[in-house]
Amino acid sequence: PIQYASRVRGRRMYQGGATFLPLRVNQAGVIPIIFAISILAFPFQIASYFAASGGLVGDTAIGITNFLNPQGPAYIVGYFLLTVGFTYFYTAFTFKPDETADQLRKNGGFIPGIRPGIPTRDYLARVVFRISLAGALFLGLVAVSPVVIEALFRGSIVAGFALGGTALLIVVSVVVETMKQIEAQLMMRNYEGFIK
């Protein structure tokens, strides 16, 4: 929770309020999945070009394509680990605890029990790191679940209906963002008479 100090303007005293800092479990969105699949697909694609050539190059290329087979265990484990790793990387890249702590300090906000400034920055960094663990594991499971389902039910009708985890996340995020925009438009229409 974020608390704001009471302010005095003129002869009036305004009571400080309490609010929450909106930290998301999945700060990174679907970007880590896209990065992970790109990293895995690139060597597989390059190796598949050289798989037909003979000799050491062809044998090495065949070994790489077999190792990075999308239904193979190395691919699934690599996909999961890369997704988790890129989730932390992208969250560290997009969420700036020092800027957030500075904005809180400038606006008179503070986290109870945490001093403003560097202790707030360190606290926010720790909290985001812990929250990102759950988000990264969830994102990794969502990413590999269609591959695992397809590998388990190969040849059955269930494998044909496996919806990609990335596609599902994109659809849900687009629907949520559209709902937020519609809600913002409705709020703006309701307050239009108040603003004029």
Protein backbone atom coordinates (compact mmCIF):
# COMPACT_ATOMS: atom_id res chain seq x y z
CA PRO A 1 0.00 0.00 0.00
CA ILE A 2 1.08 3.55 -0.76
CA GLN A 3 0.20 6.33 1.66
CA TYR A 4 0.28 10.03 0.96
CA ALA A 5 1.06 12.67 3.54
CA SER A 6 -1.52 15.29 4.52
CA ARG A 7 -1.11 18.60 2.71
CA VAL A 8 -1.93 22.14 3.75
CA ARG A 9 -3.01 24.64 1.10
CA GLY A 10 -3.92 28.04 2.37
CA ARG A 11 -6.10 27.52 5.41
CA ARG A 12 -7.33 24.11 4.32
CA MET A 13 -5.79 20.78 5.21
CA TYR A 14 -6.19 17.93 2.76
CA GLN A 15 -6.13 14.44 4.20
CA GLY A 16 -3.55 12.10 2.69
CA GLY A 17 -4.97 8.99 1.11
CA ALA A 18 -3.91 5.41 0.76
CA THR A 19 -3.69 3.58 -2.53
CA PHE A 20 -1.88 0.64 -4.07
CA LEU A 21 0.95 0.50 -6.56
CA PRO A 22 -0.28 -1.44 -9.60
CA LEU A 23 2.38 -4.11 -10.01
CA ARG A 24 1.40 -6.83 -12.45
CA VAL A 25 2.36 -10.47 -12.03
CA ASN A 26 3.29 -10.64 -15.70
CA GLN A 27 5.00 -7.30 -16.37
CA ALA A 28 6.54 -8.56 -19.62
CA GLY A 29 3.47 -9.72 -21.54
CA VAL A 30 4.11 -12.11 -24.44
CA ILE A 31 7.48 -10.63 -25.45
CA PRO A 32 9.54 -13.31 -23.58
CA ILE A 33 7.73 -16.08 -25.44
CA ILE A 34 8.46 -14.40 -28.76
CA PHE A 35 12.14 -13.96 -27.84
CA ALA A 36 12.46 -17.57 -26.65
CA ILE A 37 10.87 -19.09 -29.72
CA SER A 38 13.03 -16.89 -31.96
CA ILE A 39 16.22 -18.03 -30.21
CA LEU A 40 15.21 -21.68 -30.59
CA ALA A 41 13.92 -21.41 -34.16
CA PHE A 42 16.96 -19.63 -35.62
CA PRO A 43 19.57 -22.44 -35.21
CA PHE A 44 16.95 -25.04 -36.17
CA GLN A 45 16.18 -23.16 -39.39
CA ILE A 46 19.84 -22.63 -40.29
CA ALA A 47 20.69 -26.27 -39.54
CA SER A 48 17.79 -27.50 -41.68
CA TYR A 49 19.34 -25.75 -44.71
CA PHE A 50 22.59 -27.70 -44.28
CA ALA A 51 21.02 -31.04 -43.29
CA ALA A 52 20.97 -32.28 -46.90
CA SER A 53 24.67 -31.66 -47.46
CA GLY A 54 26.96 -34.55 -46.71
CA GLY A 55 29.98 -34.95 -44.53
CA LEU A 56 30.64 -33.36 -41.17
CA VAL A 57 28.50 -30.29 -41.93
CA GLY A 58 25.47 -32.42 -42.82
CA ASP A 59 25.90 -34.68 -39.79
CA THR A 60 26.24 -31.68 -37.47
CA ALA A 61 23.17 -30.05 -39.00
CA ILE A 62 21.13 -33.24 -38.59
CA GLY A 63 22.27 -33.47 -34.97
CA ILE A 64 21.17 -29.88 -34.33
CA THR A 65 17.77 -30.41 -35.97
CA ASN A 66 17.24 -33.60 -33.97
CA PHE A 67 18.26 -31.86 -30.75
CA LEU A 68 16.02 -28.84 -31.37
CA ASN A 69 13.05 -30.87 -32.60
CA PRO A 70 9.92 -28.96 -31.41
CA GLN A 71 8.48 -32.15 -29.87
CA GLY A 72 11.74 -33.14 -28.20
CA PRO A 73 12.52 -32.77 -24.50
CA ALA A 74 15.51 -30.45 -25.12
CA TYR A 75 13.27 -28.03 -27.02
CA ILE A 76 10.58 -28.07 -24.32
CA VAL A 77 13.06 -27.53 -21.47
CA GLY A 78 14.94 -24.87 -23.44
CA TYR A 79 11.71 -23.11 -24.37
CA PHE A 80 10.59 -23.05 -20.73
CA LEU A 81 13.95 -21.84 -19.38
CA LEU A 82 14.38 -19.19 -22.07
CA THR A 83 10.85 -17.90 -21.44
CA VAL A 84 11.52 -17.63 -17.70
CA GLY A 85 14.89 -15.96 -18.31
CA PHE A 86 13.54 -13.47 -20.84
CA THR A 87 10.66 -12.65 -18.49
CA TYR A 88 13.13 -11.50 -15.86
CA PHE A 89 15.26 -9.72 -18.46
CA TYR A 90 12.33 -7.85 -20.01
CA THR A 91 10.81 -6.97 -16.62
CA ALA A 92 14.15 -5.52 -15.51
CA PHE A 93 14.30 -3.60 -18.78
CA THR A 94 10.77 -2.13 -18.59
CA PHE A 95 10.13 -1.65 -14.86
CA LYS A 96 12.36 1.00 -13.32
CA PRO A 97 12.17 0.89 -9.51
CA ASP A 98 14.36 3.99 -9.17
CA GLU A 99 11.97 6.07 -11.31
CA THR A 100 8.94 4.72 -9.44
CA ALA A 101 10.53 5.49 -6.06
CA ASP A 102 11.44 8.99 -7.25
CA GLN A 103 7.88 9.63 -8.48
CA LEU A 104 6.47 8.46 -5.15
CA ARG A 105 8.82 10.77 -3.27
CA LYS A 106 7.97 13.75 -5.49
CA ASN A 107 4.24 13.19 -5.01
CA GLY A 108 4.54 12.84 -1.25
CA GLY A 109 3.85 9.11 -1.25
CA PHE A 110 5.60 6.48 0.79
CA ILE A 111 5.37 2.80 1.60
CA PRO A 112 4.66 2.29 5.32
CA GLY A 113 7.76 1.05 7.10
CA ILE A 114 10.07 1.88 4.17
CA ARG A 115 12.03 5.13 3.98
CA PRO A 116 11.67 7.17 0.78
CA GLY A 117 14.50 7.11 -1.75
CA ILE A 118 16.99 4.27 -2.03
CA PRO A 119 15.28 1.95 0.52
CA THR A 120 12.01 2.31 -1.45
CA ARG A 121 13.85 1.56 -4.69
CA ASP A 122 15.43 -1.56 -3.18
CA TYR A 123 12.10 -2.68 -1.71
CA LEU A 124 10.31 -2.26 -5.06
CA ALA A 125 13.08 -4.17 -6.85
CA ARG A 126 12.76 -7.07 -4.37
CA VAL A 127 8.96 -7.15 -4.65
CA VAL A 128 9.01 -7.08 -8.45
CA PHE A 129 11.66 -9.83 -8.49
CA ARG A 130 9.46 -12.05 -6.28
CA ILE A 131 6.29 -11.29 -8.23
CA SER A 132 8.09 -11.95 -11.51
CA LEU A 133 8.97 -15.47 -10.37
CA ALA A 134 5.30 -16.46 -10.33
CA GLY A 135 4.68 -14.63 -13.60
CA ALA A 136 7.72 -16.18 -15.28
CA LEU A 137 6.80 -19.72 -14.22
CA PHE A 138 3.21 -19.20 -15.37
CA LEU A 139 4.35 -17.76 -18.69
CA GLY A 140 6.75 -20.67 -19.17
CA LEU A 141 3.99 -23.19 -18.48
CA VAL A 142 1.61 -21.41 -20.86
CA ALA A 143 4.32 -21.40 -23.52
CA VAL A 144 5.19 -25.10 -23.32
CA SER A 145 1.71 -26.48 -22.58
CA PRO A 146 0.61 -26.72 -26.26
CA VAL A 147 3.89 -28.46 -27.17
CA VAL A 148 3.50 -30.92 -24.27
CA ILE A 149 -0.17 -31.59 -25.09
CA GLU A 150 0.69 -32.21 -28.73
CA ALA A 151 3.55 -34.54 -27.74
CA LEU A 152 1.35 -36.49 -25.30
CA PHE A 153 -1.65 -36.86 -27.59
CA ARG A 154 0.19 -37.25 -30.89
CA GLY A 155 -2.12 -38.71 -33.50
CA SER A 156 -5.33 -38.16 -31.55
CA ILE A 157 -7.97 -35.54 -32.22
CA VAL A 158 -6.89 -33.55 -29.13
CA ALA A 159 -3.56 -32.66 -30.77
CA GLY A 160 -5.39 -30.92 -33.62
CA PHE A 161 -7.17 -28.59 -31.22
CA ALA A 162 -4.11 -27.51 -29.23
CA LEU A 163 -4.25 -23.71 -29.13
CA GLY A 164 -0.89 -21.99 -28.91
CA GLY A 165 -0.09 -20.42 -25.56
CA THR A 166 1.15 -17.25 -27.22
CA ALA A 167 -2.03 -16.94 -29.28
CA LEU A 168 -4.16 -17.38 -26.18
CA LEU A 169 -2.22 -14.70 -24.28
CA ILE A 170 -2.44 -12.29 -27.20
CA VAL A 171 -6.20 -12.79 -27.55
CA VAL A 172 -6.79 -12.29 -23.83
CA SER A 173 -4.56 -9.20 -23.65
CA VAL A 174 -6.26 -7.64 -26.69
CA VAL A 175 -9.70 -8.26 -25.17
CA VAL A 176 -8.64 -6.77 -21.82
CA GLU A 177 -7.05 -3.74 -23.48
CA THR A 178 -10.14 -3.19 -25.64
CA MET A 179 -12.36 -3.37 -22.56
CA LYS A 180 -10.15 -0.79 -20.81
CA GLN A 181 -10.35 1.56 -23.79
CA ILE A 182 -14.13 1.21 -24.00
CA GLU A 183 -14.43 1.86 -20.27
CA ALA A 184 -12.21 4.94 -20.59
CA GLN A 185 -14.35 6.24 -23.45
CA LEU A 186 -17.53 5.70 -21.44
CA MET A 187 -16.02 7.49 -18.44
CA MET A 188 -14.97 10.37 -20.66
CA ARG A 189 -18.51 10.66 -22.06
CA ASN A 190 -20.03 10.66 -18.56
CA TYR A 191 -17.71 13.39 -17.32
CA GLU A 192 -17.98 15.52 -20.47
CA GLY A 193 -20.72 17.71 -18.99
CA PHE A 194 -18.76 18.04 -15.75
CA ILE A 195 -15.61 19.28 -17.49
CA LYS A 196 -17.45 21.95 -19.57
